[in-house]
Amino acid sequence: MYTIKFNFEQKGLSPVTLENVEPGQSILEVALENNIDLHHNCGMVCACSTCHLYVESGDEFLPELTDREEDFIDRAVSPRINSRLGCQCILETGSGIIEVTLPDQTQFLGE
């Protein structure tokens, strides 16, 4: 089971901490199931960059960055060294604490 802390760059949003999160889900799926706004225009198939986020800690609990994901991160708004796509951050078997920061979602159109 995981604990995931969501931080937000968008003004007026307080951090959200979710506990007892099952492995096998993506961070995007976890966000959506918990009413956390994270855009996902391509339907979670690694074909856009709208679910872009920053993994602040806990990247060891996620699969390695693929070349395809890296290509789309390069197209994201304000990519950083710790950028990932939420749809590709599948929680591996195990448990731990993951902290992510979501860019301001008001700058995106779509879902």
PDB file of N, CA and C in Angstrom:
ATOM      1  N   MET A   1       0.838  -1.179   0.000  1.00  0.00           N
ATOM      2  CA  MET A   1       0.000   0.000   0.000  1.00  0.00           C
ATOM      3  C   MET A   1       0.888   1.249   0.000  1.00  0.00           C
ATOM      4  N   TYR A   2       0.404   2.263  -0.659  1.00  0.00           N
ATOM      5  CA  TYR A   2       1.155   3.496  -0.785  1.00  0.00           C
ATOM      6  C   TYR A   2       0.455   4.665  -0.107  1.00  0.00           C
ATOM      7  N   THR A   3       1.256   5.639   0.254  1.00  0.00           N
ATOM      8  CA  THR A   3       0.774   6.950   0.646  1.00  0.00           C
ATOM      9  C   THR A   3       1.250   7.899  -0.442  1.00  0.00           C
ATOM     10  N   ILE A   4       0.320   8.666  -1.000  1.00  0.00           N
ATOM     11  CA  ILE A   4       0.670   9.608  -2.056  1.00  0.00           C
ATOM     12  C   ILE A   4       0.255  10.998  -1.617  1.00  0.00           C
ATOM     13  N   LYS A   5       1.216  11.915  -1.639  1.00  0.00           N
ATOM     14  CA  LYS A   5       0.930  13.309  -1.310  1.00  0.00           C
ATOM     15  C   LYS A   5       0.928  14.106  -2.611  1.00  0.00           C
ATOM     16  N   PHE A   6      -0.194  14.772  -2.873  1.00  0.00           N
ATOM     17  CA  PHE A   6      -0.346  15.637  -4.036  1.00  0.00           C
ATOM     18  C   PHE A   6      -0.194  17.086  -3.602  1.00  0.00           C
ATOM     19  N   ASN A   7       0.784  17.769  -4.190  1.00  0.00           N
ATOM     20  CA  ASN A   7       0.955  19.212  -4.012  1.00  0.00           C
ATOM     21  C   ASN A   7       0.481  19.877  -5.297  1.00  0.00           C
ATOM     22  N   PHE A   8       0.108  21.146  -5.206  1.00  0.00           N
ATOM     23  CA  PHE A   8      -0.454  21.839  -6.351  1.00  0.00           C
ATOM     24  C   PHE A   8       0.235  23.180  -6.557  1.00  0.00           C
ATOM     25  N   GLU A   9       0.593  23.469  -7.812  1.00  0.00           N
ATOM     26  CA  GLU A   9       1.113  24.791  -8.142  1.00  0.00           C
ATOM     27  C   GLU A   9      -0.020  25.802  -8.287  1.00  0.00           C
ATOM     28  N   GLN A  10      -1.216  25.312  -8.554  1.00  0.00           N
ATOM     29  CA  GLN A  10      -2.373  26.186  -8.719  1.00  0.00           C
ATOM     30  C   GLN A  10      -2.711  26.866  -7.401  1.00  0.00           C
ATOM     31  N   LYS A  11      -2.857  28.169  -7.438  1.00  0.00           N
ATOM     32  CA  LYS A  11      -3.147  28.932  -6.228  1.00  0.00           C
ATOM     33  C   LYS A  11      -4.493  28.526  -5.638  1.00  0.00           C
ATOM     34  N   GLY A  12      -4.543  28.495  -4.304  1.00  0.00           N
ATOM     35  CA  GLY A  12      -5.782  28.216  -3.607  1.00  0.00           C
ATOM     36  C   GLY A  12      -6.041  26.745  -3.331  1.00  0.00           C
ATOM     37  N   LEU A  13      -5.178  25.859  -3.798  1.00  0.00           N
ATOM     38  CA  LEU A  13      -5.366  24.431  -3.549  1.00  0.00           C
ATOM     39  C   LEU A  13      -4.401  23.959  -2.478  1.00  0.00           C
ATOM     40  N   SER A  14      -4.927  23.268  -1.485  1.00  0.00           N
ATOM     41  CA  SER A  14      -4.107  22.719  -0.401  1.00  0.00           C
ATOM     42  C   SER A  14      -3.643  21.323  -0.763  1.00  0.00           C
ATOM     43  N   PRO A  15      -2.490  20.901  -0.245  1.00  0.00           N
ATOM     44  CA  PRO A  15      -2.010  19.539  -0.504  1.00  0.00           C
ATOM     45  C   PRO A  15      -3.041  18.495  -0.053  1.00  0.00           C
ATOM     46  N   VAL A  16      -3.038  17.364  -0.747  1.00  0.00           N
ATOM     47  CA  VAL A  16      -3.918  16.246  -0.426  1.00  0.00           C
ATOM     48  C   VAL A  16      -3.045  15.021  -0.219  1.00  0.00           C
ATOM     49  N   THR A  17      -3.253  14.326   0.889  1.00  0.00           N
ATOM     50  CA  THR A  17      -2.525  13.084   1.155  1.00  0.00           C
ATOM     51  C   THR A  17      -3.506  11.928   1.145  1.00  0.00           C
ATOM     52  N   LEU A  18      -3.201  10.922   0.324  1.00  0.00           N
ATOM     53  CA  LEU A  18      -4.037   9.731   0.230  1.00  0.00           C
ATOM     54  C   LEU A  18      -3.266   8.553   0.805  1.00  0.00           C
ATOM     55  N   GLU A  19      -3.908   7.794   1.657  1.00  0.00           N
ATOM     56  CA  GLU A  19      -3.269   6.634   2.271  1.00  0.00           C
ATOM     57  C   GLU A  19      -3.926   5.350   1.782  1.00  0.00           C
ATOM     58  N   ASN A  20      -3.233   4.240   1.945  1.00  0.00           N
ATOM     59  CA  ASN A  20      -3.733   2.912   1.572  1.00  0.00           C
ATOM     60  C   ASN A  20      -4.086   2.808   0.094  1.00  0.00           C
ATOM     61  N   VAL A  21      -3.217   3.365  -0.754  1.00  0.00           N
ATOM     62  CA  VAL A  21      -3.411   3.301  -2.199  1.00  0.00           C
ATOM     63  C   VAL A  21      -2.813   1.989  -2.703  1.00  0.00           C
ATOM     64  N   GLU A  22      -3.624   1.235  -3.435  1.00  0.00           N
ATOM     65  CA  GLU A  22      -3.208  -0.070  -3.953  1.00  0.00           C
ATOM     66  C   GLU A  22      -2.182   0.061  -5.079  1.00  0.00           C
ATOM     67  N   PRO A  23      -1.188  -0.838  -5.129  1.00  0.00           N
ATOM     68  CA  PRO A  23      -0.271  -0.865  -6.272  1.00  0.00           C
ATOM     69  C   PRO A  23      -1.020  -1.280  -7.545  1.00  0.00           C
ATOM     70  N   GLY A  24      -0.392  -1.064  -8.689  1.00  0.00           N
ATOM     71  CA  GLY A  24      -0.977  -1.464  -9.959  1.00  0.00           C
ATOM     72  C   GLY A  24      -1.760  -0.362 -10.645  1.00  0.00           C
ATOM     73  N   GLN A  25      -1.999   0.732  -9.973  1.00  0.00           N
ATOM     74  CA  GLN A  25      -2.710   1.882 -10.539  1.00  0.00           C
ATOM     75  C   GLN A  25      -1.695   2.935 -10.951  1.00  0.00           C
ATOM     76  N   SER A  26      -2.102   3.774 -11.898  1.00  0.00           N
ATOM     77  CA  SER A  26      -1.247   4.908 -12.243  1.00  0.00           C
ATOM     78  C   SER A  26      -1.572   6.065 -11.303  1.00  0.00           C
ATOM     79  N   ILE A  27      -0.632   6.979 -11.183  1.00  0.00           N
ATOM     80  CA  ILE A  27      -0.884   8.174 -10.372  1.00  0.00           C
ATOM     81  C   ILE A  27      -2.047   8.963 -10.965  1.00  0.00           C
ATOM     82  N   LEU A  28      -2.183   8.966 -12.277  1.00  0.00           N
ATOM     83  CA  LEU A  28      -3.319   9.624 -12.911  1.00  0.00           C
ATOM     84  C   LEU A  28      -4.626   8.985 -12.462  1.00  0.00           C
ATOM     85  N   GLU A  29      -4.714   7.666 -12.483  1.00  0.00           N
ATOM     86  CA  GLU A  29      -5.936   6.977 -12.045  1.00  0.00           C
ATOM     87  C   GLU A  29      -6.262   7.282 -10.592  1.00  0.00           C
ATOM     88  N   VAL A  30      -5.243   7.273  -9.752  1.00  0.00           N
ATOM     89  CA  VAL A  30      -5.447   7.583  -8.329  1.00  0.00           C
ATOM     90  C   VAL A  30      -5.989   8.998  -8.174  1.00  0.00           C
ATOM     91  N   ALA A  31      -5.413   9.942  -8.910  1.00  0.00           N
ATOM     92  CA  ALA A  31      -5.873  11.330  -8.839  1.00  0.00           C
ATOM     93  C   ALA A  31      -7.340  11.432  -9.244  1.00  0.00           C
ATOM     94  N   LEU A  32      -7.687  10.845 -10.383  1.00  0.00           N
ATOM     95  CA  LEU A  32      -9.055  10.949 -10.881  1.00  0.00           C
ATOM     96  C   LEU A  32     -10.060  10.289  -9.944  1.00  0.00           C
ATOM     97  N   GLU A  33      -9.704   9.151  -9.382  1.00  0.00           N
ATOM     98  CA  GLU A  33     -10.600   8.441  -8.450  1.00  0.00           C
ATOM     99  C   GLU A  33     -10.849   9.235  -7.179  1.00  0.00           C
ATOM    100  N   ASN A  34      -9.965  10.186  -6.902  1.00  0.00           N
ATOM    101  CA  ASN A  34     -10.076  10.982  -5.677  1.00  0.00           C
ATOM    102  C   ASN A  34     -10.391  12.446  -5.962  1.00  0.00           C
ATOM    103  N   ASN A  35     -10.994  12.690  -7.126  1.00  0.00           N
ATOM    104  CA  ASN A  35     -11.441  14.034  -7.515  1.00  0.00           C
ATOM    105  C   ASN A  35     -10.333  15.077  -7.526  1.00  0.00           C
ATOM    106  N   ILE A  36      -9.134  14.635  -7.916  1.00  0.00           N
ATOM    107  CA  ILE A  36      -8.009  15.549  -8.092  1.00  0.00           C
ATOM    108  C   ILE A  36      -7.872  15.811  -9.584  1.00  0.00           C
ATOM    109  N   ASP A  37      -7.957  17.070  -9.970  1.00  0.00           N
ATOM    110  CA  ASP A  37      -7.963  17.454 -11.368  1.00  0.00           C
ATOM    111  C   ASP A  37      -6.570  17.293 -11.973  1.00  0.00           C
ATOM    112  N   LEU A  38      -6.450  16.323 -12.876  1.00  0.00           N
ATOM    113  CA  LEU A  38      -5.222  16.127 -13.645  1.00  0.00           C
ATOM    114  C   LEU A  38      -5.654  15.781 -15.065  1.00  0.00           C
ATOM    115  N   HIS A  39      -5.410  16.690 -15.997  1.00  0.00           N
ATOM    116  CA  HIS A  39      -5.875  16.501 -17.365  1.00  0.00           C
ATOM    117  C   HIS A  39      -5.269  15.249 -17.990  1.00  0.00           C
ATOM    118  N   HIS A  40      -5.981  14.717 -18.968  1.00  0.00           N
ATOM    119  CA  HIS A  40      -5.561  13.469 -19.619  1.00  0.00           C
ATOM    120  C   HIS A  40      -6.210  13.372 -21.000  1.00  0.00           C
ATOM    121  N   ASN A  41      -5.831  14.256 -21.877  1.00  0.00           N
ATOM    122  CA  ASN A  41      -6.486  14.373 -23.181  1.00  0.00           C
ATOM    123  C   ASN A  41      -6.399  13.119 -24.045  1.00  0.00           C
ATOM    124  N   CYS A  42      -5.351  12.326 -23.939  1.00  0.00           N
ATOM    125  CA  CYS A  42      -5.206  11.173 -24.839  1.00  0.00           C
ATOM    126  C   CYS A  42      -5.855   9.911 -24.289  1.00  0.00           C
ATOM    127  N   GLY A  43      -6.446   9.971 -23.131  1.00  0.00           N
ATOM    128  CA  GLY A  43      -7.102   8.776 -22.588  1.00  0.00           C
ATOM    129  C   GLY A  43      -6.144   7.809 -21.934  1.00  0.00           C
ATOM    130  N   MET A  44      -5.051   8.306 -21.412  1.00  0.00           N
ATOM    131  CA  MET A  44      -4.087   7.513 -20.636  1.00  0.00           C
ATOM    132  C   MET A  44      -3.276   6.525 -21.466  1.00  0.00           C
ATOM    133  N   VAL A  45      -2.916   6.892 -22.687  1.00  0.00           N
ATOM    134  CA  VAL A  45      -2.152   5.974 -23.535  1.00  0.00           C
ATOM    135  C   VAL A  45      -0.774   6.520 -23.931  1.00  0.00           C
ATOM    136  N   CYS A  46      -0.259   7.491 -23.199  1.00  0.00           N
ATOM    137  CA  CYS A  46       1.058   8.069 -23.463  1.00  0.00           C
ATOM    138  C   CYS A  46       1.144   8.621 -24.885  1.00  0.00           C
ATOM    139  N   ALA A  47       0.144   9.476 -25.222  1.00  0.00           N
ATOM    140  CA  ALA A  47       0.128  10.086 -26.541  1.00  0.00           C
ATOM    141  C   ALA A  47       0.002  11.610 -26.465  1.00  0.00           C
ATOM    142  N   CYS A  48       0.182  12.164 -25.281  1.00  0.00           N
ATOM    143  CA  CYS A  48       0.158  13.620 -25.117  1.00  0.00           C
ATOM    144  C   CYS A  48       0.970  13.950 -23.854  1.00  0.00           C
ATOM    145  N   SER A  49       0.882  15.172 -23.391  1.00  0.00           N
ATOM    146  CA  SER A  49       1.642  15.541 -22.200  1.00  0.00           C
ATOM    147  C   SER A  49       0.777  16.223 -21.147  1.00  0.00           C
ATOM    148  N   THR A  50      -0.546  16.114 -21.270  1.00  0.00           N
ATOM    149  CA  THR A  50      -1.412  16.872 -20.364  1.00  0.00           C
ATOM    150  C   THR A  50      -1.443  16.322 -18.943  1.00  0.00           C
ATOM    151  N   CYS A  51      -1.053  15.076 -18.721  1.00  0.00           N
ATOM    152  CA  CYS A  51      -1.019  14.538 -17.352  1.00  0.00           C
ATOM    153  C   CYS A  51       0.372  14.685 -16.727  1.00  0.00           C
ATOM    154  N   HIS A  52       1.130  15.605 -17.276  1.00  0.00           N
ATOM    155  CA  HIS A  52       2.478  15.902 -16.791  1.00  0.00           C
ATOM    156  C   HIS A  52       2.450  16.299 -15.319  1.00  0.00           C
ATOM    157  N   LEU A  53       3.399  15.777 -14.553  1.00  0.00           N
ATOM    158  CA  LEU A  53       3.544  16.126 -13.135  1.00  0.00           C
ATOM    159  C   LEU A  53       5.009  16.024 -12.757  1.00  0.00           C
ATOM    160  N   TYR A  54       5.309  16.441 -11.535  1.00  0.00           N
ATOM    161  CA  TYR A  54       6.674  16.371 -11.019  1.00  0.00           C
ATOM    162  C   TYR A  54       6.708  15.380  -9.861  1.00  0.00           C
ATOM    163  N   VAL A  55       7.588  14.385  -9.948  1.00  0.00           N
ATOM    164  CA  VAL A  55       7.755  13.423  -8.858  1.00  0.00           C
ATOM    165  C   VAL A  55       8.833  13.988  -7.936  1.00  0.00           C
ATOM    166  N   GLU A  56       8.401  14.437  -6.768  1.00  0.00           N
ATOM    167  CA  GLU A  56       9.317  15.047  -5.795  1.00  0.00           C
ATOM    168  C   GLU A  56      10.090  13.985  -5.007  1.00  0.00           C
ATOM    169  N   SER A  57       9.426  12.886  -4.693  1.00  0.00           N
ATOM    170  CA  SER A  57      10.085  11.774  -4.000  1.00  0.00           C
ATOM    171  C   SER A  57       9.296  10.498  -4.246  1.00  0.00           C
ATOM    172  N   GLY A  58       9.985   9.375  -4.143  1.00  0.00           N
ATOM    173  CA  GLY A  58       9.340   8.076  -4.321  1.00  0.00           C
ATOM    174  C   GLY A  58       9.434   7.526  -5.724  1.00  0.00           C
ATOM    175  N   ASP A  59      10.314   8.094  -6.552  1.00  0.00           N
ATOM    176  CA  ASP A  59      10.421   7.600  -7.923  1.00  0.00           C
ATOM    177  C   ASP A  59      10.904   6.150  -7.993  1.00  0.00           C
ATOM    178  N   GLU A  60      11.485   5.655  -6.909  1.00  0.00           N
ATOM    179  CA  GLU A  60      11.928   4.260  -6.891  1.00  0.00           C
ATOM    180  C   GLU A  60      10.756   3.275  -6.877  1.00  0.00           C
ATOM    181  N   PHE A  61       9.552   3.758  -6.616  1.00  0.00           N
ATOM    182  CA  PHE A  61       8.355   2.914  -6.597  1.00  0.00           C
ATOM    183  C   PHE A  61       7.619   2.926  -7.933  1.00  0.00           C
ATOM    184  N   LEU A  62       8.209   3.591  -8.931  1.00  0.00           N
ATOM    185  CA  LEU A  62       7.596   3.746 -10.251  1.00  0.00           C
ATOM    186  C   LEU A  62       8.501   3.137 -11.313  1.00  0.00           C
ATOM    187  N   PRO A  63       7.929   2.715 -12.445  1.00  0.00           N
ATOM    188  CA  PRO A  63       8.774   2.187 -13.521  1.00  0.00           C
ATOM    189  C   PRO A  63       9.694   3.276 -14.070  1.00  0.00           C
ATOM    190  N   GLU A  64      10.762   2.841 -14.692  1.00  0.00           N
ATOM    191  CA  GLU A  64      11.700   3.791 -15.283  1.00  0.00           C
ATOM    192  C   GLU A  64      11.052   4.541 -16.441  1.00  0.00           C
ATOM    193  N   LEU A  65      11.544   5.715 -16.672  1.00  0.00           N
ATOM    194  CA  LEU A  65      11.091   6.563 -17.769  1.00  0.00           C
ATOM    195  C   LEU A  65      11.422   5.872 -19.092  1.00  0.00           C
ATOM    196  N   THR A  66      10.428   5.755 -19.970  1.00  0.00           N
ATOM    197  CA  THR A  66      10.671   5.162 -21.290  1.00  0.00           C
ATOM    198  C   THR A  66      11.019   6.262 -22.291  1.00  0.00           C
ATOM    199  N   ASP A  67      11.562   5.863 -23.436  1.00  0.00           N
ATOM    200  CA  ASP A  67      11.883   6.835 -24.480  1.00  0.00           C
ATOM    201  C   ASP A  67      10.617   7.542 -24.966  1.00  0.00           C
ATOM    202  N   ARG A  68       9.533   6.789 -25.105  1.00  0.00           N
ATOM    203  CA  ARG A  68       8.264   7.370 -25.570  1.00  0.00           C
ATOM    204  C   ARG A  68       7.772   8.428 -24.579  1.00  0.00           C
ATOM    205  N   GLU A  69       7.770   8.091 -23.272  1.00  0.00           N
ATOM    206  CA  GLU A  69       7.338   9.048 -22.269  1.00  0.00           C
ATOM    207  C   GLU A  69       8.230  10.286 -22.290  1.00  0.00           C
ATOM    208  N   GLU A  70       9.518  10.084 -22.418  1.00  0.00           N
ATOM    209  CA  GLU A  70      10.452  11.207 -22.440  1.00  0.00           C
ATOM    210  C   GLU A  70      10.179  12.138 -23.622  1.00  0.00           C
ATOM    211  N   ASP A  71       9.819  11.554 -24.779  1.00  0.00           N
ATOM    212  CA  ASP A  71       9.490  12.366 -25.948  1.00  0.00           C
ATOM    213  C   ASP A  71       8.306  13.288 -25.663  1.00  0.00           C
ATOM    214  N   PHE A  72       7.296  12.770 -24.975  1.00  0.00           N
ATOM    215  CA  PHE A  72       6.120  13.598 -24.685  1.00  0.00           C
ATOM    216  C   PHE A  72       6.399  14.594 -23.558  1.00  0.00           C
ATOM    217  N   ILE A  73       7.228  14.230 -22.614  1.00  0.00           N
ATOM    218  CA  ILE A  73       7.604  15.174 -21.557  1.00  0.00           C
ATOM    219  C   ILE A  73       8.307  16.386 -22.155  1.00  0.00           C
ATOM    220  N   ASP A  74       9.101  16.157 -23.193  1.00  0.00           N
ATOM    221  CA  ASP A  74       9.785  17.268 -23.862  1.00  0.00           C
ATOM    222  C   ASP A  74       8.796  18.287 -24.431  1.00  0.00           C
ATOM    223  N   ARG A  75       7.560  17.859 -24.679  1.00  0.00           N
ATOM    224  CA  ARG A  75       6.522  18.745 -25.227  1.00  0.00           C
ATOM    225  C   ARG A  75       5.669  19.384 -24.130  1.00  0.00           C
ATOM    226  N   ALA A  76       5.882  18.990 -22.887  1.00  0.00           N
ATOM    227  CA  ALA A  76       5.082  19.494 -21.772  1.00  0.00           C
ATOM    228  C   ALA A  76       5.429  20.942 -21.456  1.00  0.00           C
ATOM    229  N   VAL A  77       4.524  21.601 -20.757  1.00  0.00           N
ATOM    230  CA  VAL A  77       4.765  22.965 -20.284  1.00  0.00           C
ATOM    231  C   VAL A  77       5.710  22.888 -19.090  1.00  0.00           C
ATOM    232  N   SER A  78       6.809  23.579 -19.149  1.00  0.00           N
ATOM    233  CA  SER A  78       7.794  23.670 -18.056  1.00  0.00           C
ATOM    234  C   SER A  78       8.305  22.316 -17.553  1.00  0.00           C
ATOM    235  N   PRO A  79       8.857  21.484 -18.438  1.00  0.00           N
ATOM    236  CA  PRO A  79       9.408  20.209 -17.963  1.00  0.00           C
ATOM    237  C   PRO A  79      10.642  20.426 -17.083  1.00  0.00           C
ATOM    238  N   ARG A  80      10.829  19.512 -16.165  1.00  0.00           N
ATOM    239  CA  ARG A  80      11.980  19.534 -15.255  1.00  0.00           C
ATOM    240  C   ARG A  80      12.620  18.146 -15.249  1.00  0.00           C
ATOM    241  N   ILE A  81      13.716  18.020 -14.559  1.00  0.00           N
ATOM    242  CA  ILE A  81      14.422  16.739 -14.474  1.00  0.00           C
ATOM    243  C   ILE A  81      13.549  15.662 -13.811  1.00  0.00           C
ATOM    244  N   ASN A  82      12.621  16.069 -12.941  1.00  0.00           N
ATOM    245  CA  ASN A  82      11.764  15.106 -12.233  1.00  0.00           C
ATOM    246  C   ASN A  82      10.376  14.994 -12.862  1.00  0.00           C
ATOM    247  N   SER A  83      10.229  15.448 -14.117  1.00  0.00           N
ATOM    248  CA  SER A  83       8.948  15.364 -14.817  1.00  0.00           C
ATOM    249  C   SER A  83       8.624  13.926 -15.191  1.00  0.00           C
ATOM    250  N   ARG A  84       7.346  13.595 -15.071  1.00  0.00           N
ATOM    251  CA  ARG A  84       6.814  12.307 -15.524  1.00  0.00           C
ATOM    252  C   ARG A  84       5.408  12.548 -16.051  1.00  0.00           C
ATOM    253  N   LEU A  85       4.858  11.555 -16.723  1.00  0.00           N
ATOM    254  CA  LEU A  85       3.461  11.564 -17.119  1.00  0.00           C
ATOM    255  C   LEU A  85       2.694  10.707 -16.132  1.00  0.00           C
ATOM    256  N   GLY A  86       1.624  11.250 -15.577  1.00  0.00           N
ATOM    257  CA  GLY A  86       0.851  10.536 -14.562  1.00  0.00           C
ATOM    258  C   GLY A  86       0.329   9.199 -15.048  1.00  0.00           C
ATOM    259  N   CYS A  87       0.004   9.101 -16.346  1.00  0.00           N
ATOM    260  CA  CYS A  87      -0.524   7.842 -16.886  1.00  0.00           C
ATOM    261  C   CYS A  87       0.528   6.746 -16.942  1.00  0.00           C
ATOM    262  N   GLN A  88       1.790   7.121 -16.924  1.00  0.00           N
ATOM    263  CA  GLN A  88       2.879   6.143 -17.012  1.00  0.00           C
ATOM    264  C   GLN A  88       3.499   5.816 -15.658  1.00  0.00           C
ATOM    265  N   CYS A  89       3.065   6.493 -14.622  1.00  0.00           N
ATOM    266  CA  CYS A  89       3.570   6.261 -13.258  1.00  0.00           C
ATOM    267  C   CYS A  89       2.711   5.207 -12.579  1.00  0.00           C
ATOM    268  N   ILE A  90       2.941   3.948 -12.931  1.00  0.00           N
ATOM    269  CA  ILE A  90       2.189   2.826 -12.372  1.00  0.00           C
ATOM    270  C   ILE A  90       2.864   2.399 -11.066  1.00  0.00           C
ATOM    271  N   LEU A  91       2.092   2.362  -9.995  1.00  0.00           N
ATOM    272  CA  LEU A  91       2.642   1.978  -8.693  1.00  0.00           C
ATOM    273  C   LEU A  91       3.066   0.518  -8.728  1.00  0.00           C
ATOM    274  N   GLU A  92       4.337   0.275  -8.499  1.00  0.00           N
ATOM    275  CA  GLU A  92       4.858  -1.082  -8.530  1.00  0.00           C
ATOM    276  C   GLU A  92       4.429  -1.853  -7.285  1.00  0.00           C
ATOM    277  N   THR A  93       4.548  -3.161  -7.335  1.00  0.00           N
ATOM    278  CA  THR A  93       4.221  -3.986  -6.185  1.00  0.00           C
ATOM    279  C   THR A  93       5.085  -3.557  -5.008  1.00  0.00           C
ATOM    280  N   GLY A  94       4.463  -3.392  -3.858  1.00  0.00           N
ATOM    281  CA  GLY A  94       5.187  -2.958  -2.671  1.00  0.00           C
ATOM    282  C   GLY A  94       4.447  -1.860  -1.959  1.00  0.00           C
ATOM    283  N   SER A  95       5.199  -1.065  -1.229  1.00  0.00           N
ATOM    284  CA  SER A  95       4.597   0.034  -0.485  1.00  0.00           C
ATOM    285  C   SER A  95       5.638   1.122  -0.272  1.00  0.00           C
ATOM    286  N   GLY A  96       5.149   2.322   0.003  1.00  0.00           N
ATOM    287  CA  GLY A  96       6.051   3.434   0.238  1.00  0.00           C
ATOM    288  C   GLY A  96       5.308   4.752   0.201  1.00  0.00           C
ATOM    289  N   ILE A  97       6.077   5.811   0.185  1.00  0.00           N
ATOM    290  CA  ILE A  97       5.525   7.162   0.165  1.00  0.00           C
ATOM    291  C   ILE A  97       5.998   7.855  -1.110  1.00  0.00           C
ATOM    292  N   ILE A  98       5.048   8.438  -1.831  1.00  0.00           N
ATOM    293  CA  ILE A  98       5.334   9.147  -3.068  1.00  0.00           C
ATOM    294  C   ILE A  98       4.783  10.557  -2.926  1.00  0.00           C
ATOM    295  N   GLU A  99       5.580  11.531  -3.334  1.00  0.00           N
ATOM    296  CA  GLU A  99       5.120  12.918  -3.309  1.00  0.00           C
ATOM    297  C   GLU A  99       5.240  13.492  -4.715  1.00  0.00           C
ATOM    298  N   VAL A 100       4.145  14.069  -5.205  1.00  0.00           N
ATOM    299  CA  VAL A 100       4.134  14.669  -6.536  1.00  0.00           C
ATOM    300  C   VAL A 100       3.594  16.094  -6.458  1.00  0.00           C
ATOM    301  N   THR A 101       3.965  16.882  -7.454  1.00  0.00           N
ATOM    302  CA  THR A 101       3.425  18.229  -7.596  1.00  0.00           C
ATOM    303  C   THR A 101       2.761  18.314  -8.958  1.00  0.00           C
ATOM    304  N   LEU A 102       1.511  18.805  -8.971  1.00  0.00           N
ATOM    305  CA  LEU A 102       0.776  18.973 -10.208  1.00  0.00           C
ATOM    306  C   LEU A 102       0.905  20.414 -10.686  1.00  0.00           C
ATOM    307  N   PRO A 103       1.285  20.604 -11.951  1.00  0.00           N
ATOM    308  CA  PRO A 103       1.316  21.956 -12.503  1.00  0.00           C
ATOM    309  C   PRO A 103      -0.087  22.566 -12.464  1.00  0.00           C
ATOM    310  N   ASP A 104      -0.154  23.856 -12.606  1.00  0.00           N
ATOM    311  CA  ASP A 104      -1.437  24.565 -12.626  1.00  0.00           C
ATOM    312  C   ASP A 104      -2.292  24.028 -13.778  1.00  0.00           C
ATOM    313  N   GLN A 105      -3.395  23.375 -13.457  1.00  0.00           N
ATOM    314  CA  GLN A 105      -4.246  22.737 -14.460  1.00  0.00           C
ATOM    315  C   GLN A 105      -5.131  23.720 -15.209  1.00  0.00           C
ATOM    316  N   THR A 106      -5.198  24.975 -14.772  1.00  0.00           N
ATOM    317  CA  THR A 106      -6.041  25.953 -15.470  1.00  0.00           C
ATOM    318  C   THR A 106      -5.448  26.360 -16.808  1.00  0.00           C
ATOM    319  N   GLN A 107      -4.195  26.013 -17.065  1.00  0.00           N
ATOM    320  CA  GLN A 107      -3.550  26.378 -18.322  1.00  0.00           C
ATOM    321  C   GLN A 107      -3.843  25.397 -19.447  1.00  0.00           C
ATOM    322  N   PHE A 108      -4.562  24.308 -19.143  1.00  0.00           N
ATOM    323  CA  PHE A 108      -4.846  23.274 -20.139  1.00  0.00           C
ATOM    324  C   PHE A 108      -6.312  23.265 -20.528  1.00  0.00           C
ATOM    325  N   LEU A 109      -6.564  22.887 -21.775  1.00  0.00           N
ATOM    326  CA  LEU A 109      -7.921  22.677 -22.241  1.00  0.00           C
ATOM    327  C   LEU A 109      -8.173  21.173 -22.301  1.00  0.00           C
ATOM    328  N   GLY A 110      -9.410  20.774 -22.220  1.00  0.00           N
ATOM    329  CA  GLY A 110      -9.750  19.357 -22.339  1.00  0.00           C
ATOM    330  C   GLY A 110     -10.078  18.769 -20.997  1.00  0.00           C
ATOM    331  N   GLU A 111     -10.007  17.424 -20.945  1.00  0.00           N
ATOM    332  CA  GLU A 111     -10.400  16.719 -19.724  1.00  0.00           C
ATOM    333  C   GLU A 111      -9.441  16.950 -18.593  1.00  0.00           C
TER     334      GLU A 111
END
